Amino acid sequence: MTQSIGRTCWAIAEGYIPPYSNGPEPQFISHETVCILNAGGKDAHVEITIYYSNREPVGPYQVTVPAQRTKHIRFNNLTDPEPIPHDTDFASVITSDVPIVVQHTRLDSRQAENALLSTMAFPGN
């Protein structure tokens, strides 16, 4: 039995990709990640829009999360319609055609003592 859980709209009000990293690649590259759980029985067609403080929004970045799967998407790896710049504050809105659960994670490896932050995104509906 499959069960849809979550919401179809989420927001991450905080985002920042550090300009440099410390440690072996790719594990210790400083990054922002959106973690998406699709526990339902249909594929989730997800759109991510990026908002900045001093320019127009960019997006949507399109991702599919298969039914009953999870996908971790590094904001660093999003390139279409354009890469997200490092050393720049941003926020994101994540929408889906089916309910999903969204979590935000950041690895900041600018120093040898790494810091990992993780929090739930804000459900918008």
Protein backbone atom coordinates (compact mmCIF):
# COMPACT_ATOMS: atom_id res chain seq x y z
CA MET A 1 0.00 0.00 0.00
CA THR A 2 1.27 3.45 -0.87
CA GLN A 3 0.42 6.55 1.09
CA SER A 4 0.80 10.13 -0.07
CA ILE A 5 2.09 12.35 2.71
CA GLY A 6 3.28 15.93 2.75
CA ARG A 7 2.23 19.01 0.86
CA THR A 8 2.47 20.32 -2.70
CA CYS A 9 4.15 23.64 -1.88
CA TRP A 10 7.20 24.22 0.34
CA ALA A 11 9.53 27.13 1.05
CA ILE A 12 13.13 27.33 2.24
CA ALA A 13 13.62 30.95 3.27
CA GLU A 14 17.37 30.60 3.68
CA GLY A 15 20.04 29.49 1.25
CA TYR A 16 23.75 30.14 0.80
CA ILE A 17 26.44 28.16 -1.01
CA PRO A 18 29.84 29.01 0.52
CA PRO A 19 32.45 30.26 -1.95
CA TYR A 20 35.03 27.56 -1.10
CA SER A 21 35.40 24.21 0.64
CA ASN A 22 37.86 22.27 2.76
CA GLY A 23 38.29 18.52 2.47
CA PRO A 24 38.01 15.75 -0.11
CA GLU A 25 35.62 16.09 -3.04
CA PRO A 26 32.78 15.39 -3.61
CA GLN A 27 31.86 14.47 -0.02
CA PHE A 28 33.10 17.68 1.60
CA ILE A 29 32.19 20.27 -1.02
CA SER A 30 30.21 22.99 0.75
CA HIS A 31 26.63 22.70 -0.48
CA GLU A 32 22.93 23.28 -0.01
CA THR A 33 20.62 20.32 -0.56
CA VAL A 34 16.88 19.92 -0.88
CA CYS A 35 15.85 16.43 0.27
CA ILE A 36 12.52 15.28 -1.18
CA LEU A 37 10.47 12.25 -0.10
CA ASN A 38 7.73 10.99 -2.39
CA ALA A 39 5.96 8.24 -0.42
CA GLY A 40 2.98 8.17 -2.78
CA GLY A 41 2.15 5.95 -5.71
CA LYS A 42 2.70 8.51 -8.51
CA ASP A 43 5.89 10.22 -9.71
CA ALA A 44 6.29 13.75 -8.36
CA HIS A 45 6.99 16.44 -10.95
CA VAL A 46 8.78 19.08 -8.92
CA GLU A 47 9.63 22.69 -9.78
CA ILE A 48 12.11 24.79 -7.82
CA THR A 49 12.15 28.58 -8.10
CA ILE A 50 15.07 30.54 -6.64
CA TYR A 51 14.60 34.02 -5.16
CA TYR A 52 17.34 36.60 -4.58
CA SER A 53 17.48 39.85 -2.62
CA ASN A 54 18.69 42.00 -5.51
CA ARG A 55 17.47 40.43 -8.77
CA GLU A 56 14.56 38.64 -10.38
CA PRO A 57 13.68 35.02 -9.46
CA VAL A 58 15.12 32.20 -11.55
CA GLY A 59 13.38 28.99 -12.49
CA PRO A 60 11.76 26.73 -12.58
CA TYR A 61 14.36 24.03 -12.19
CA GLN A 62 12.55 20.77 -12.95
CA VAL A 63 13.10 17.48 -11.15
CA THR A 64 11.19 14.19 -11.07
CA VAL A 65 11.09 12.16 -7.88
CA PRO A 66 9.80 8.65 -8.68
CA ALA A 67 6.95 7.14 -6.67
CA GLN A 68 7.99 5.71 -3.31
CA ARG A 69 11.49 7.18 -3.58
CA THR A 70 13.62 9.95 -2.15
CA LYS A 71 15.93 12.29 -3.99
CA HIS A 72 18.59 14.62 -2.59
CA ILE A 73 19.28 17.50 -4.94
CA ARG A 74 22.28 19.75 -4.39
CA PHE A 75 21.50 23.32 -5.30
CA ASN A 76 25.16 23.48 -6.41
CA ASN A 77 24.32 21.04 -9.21
CA LEU A 78 21.30 22.87 -10.61
CA THR A 79 22.27 24.40 -13.96
CA ASP A 80 19.12 24.77 -16.08
CA PRO A 81 18.00 27.51 -16.50
CA GLU A 82 21.24 28.80 -14.87
CA PRO A 83 23.68 27.84 -12.08
CA ILE A 84 23.00 29.23 -8.62
CA PRO A 85 25.86 31.56 -7.70
CA HIS A 86 28.09 30.84 -4.73
CA ASP A 87 28.55 33.41 -1.96
CA THR A 88 25.03 34.76 -2.60
CA ASP A 89 21.98 34.65 -0.33
CA PHE A 90 18.92 32.98 -1.85
CA ALA A 91 15.61 31.36 -0.96
CA SER A 92 13.55 28.72 -2.75
CA VAL A 93 9.98 27.65 -3.33
CA ILE A 94 9.41 23.99 -4.19
CA THR A 95 6.13 22.92 -5.81
CA SER A 96 4.93 19.48 -6.81
CA ASP A 97 1.93 17.98 -8.56
CA VAL A 98 1.59 15.37 -5.76
CA PRO A 99 2.24 15.65 -1.99
CA ILE A 100 5.91 15.44 -0.98
CA VAL A 101 7.98 16.06 2.14
CA VAL A 102 10.87 18.54 1.86
CA GLN A 103 13.91 18.97 4.09
CA HIS A 104 16.82 21.40 3.74
CA THR A 105 20.45 20.49 4.48
CA ARG A 106 23.65 22.54 4.33
CA LEU A 107 27.25 21.40 4.61
CA ASP A 108 29.64 24.25 5.33
CA SER A 109 33.21 22.99 5.02
CA ARG A 110 35.03 26.30 4.84
CA GLN A 111 37.05 25.21 7.86
CA ALA A 112 38.38 21.80 8.87
CA GLU A 113 35.71 21.56 11.61
CA ASN A 114 32.71 20.99 9.35
CA ALA A 115 29.18 22.06 10.17
CA LEU A 116 26.05 20.28 8.93
CA LEU A 117 22.66 21.95 9.30
CA SER A 118 19.35 20.27 8.56
CA THR A 119 15.78 21.47 9.02
CA MET A 120 12.32 20.89 7.64
CA ALA A 121 11.15 23.26 4.94
CA PHE A 122 8.05 25.37 5.56
CA PRO A 123 4.87 23.76 4.18
CA GLY A 124 2.98 26.33 2.17
CA ASN A 125 -0.48 24.78 1.82
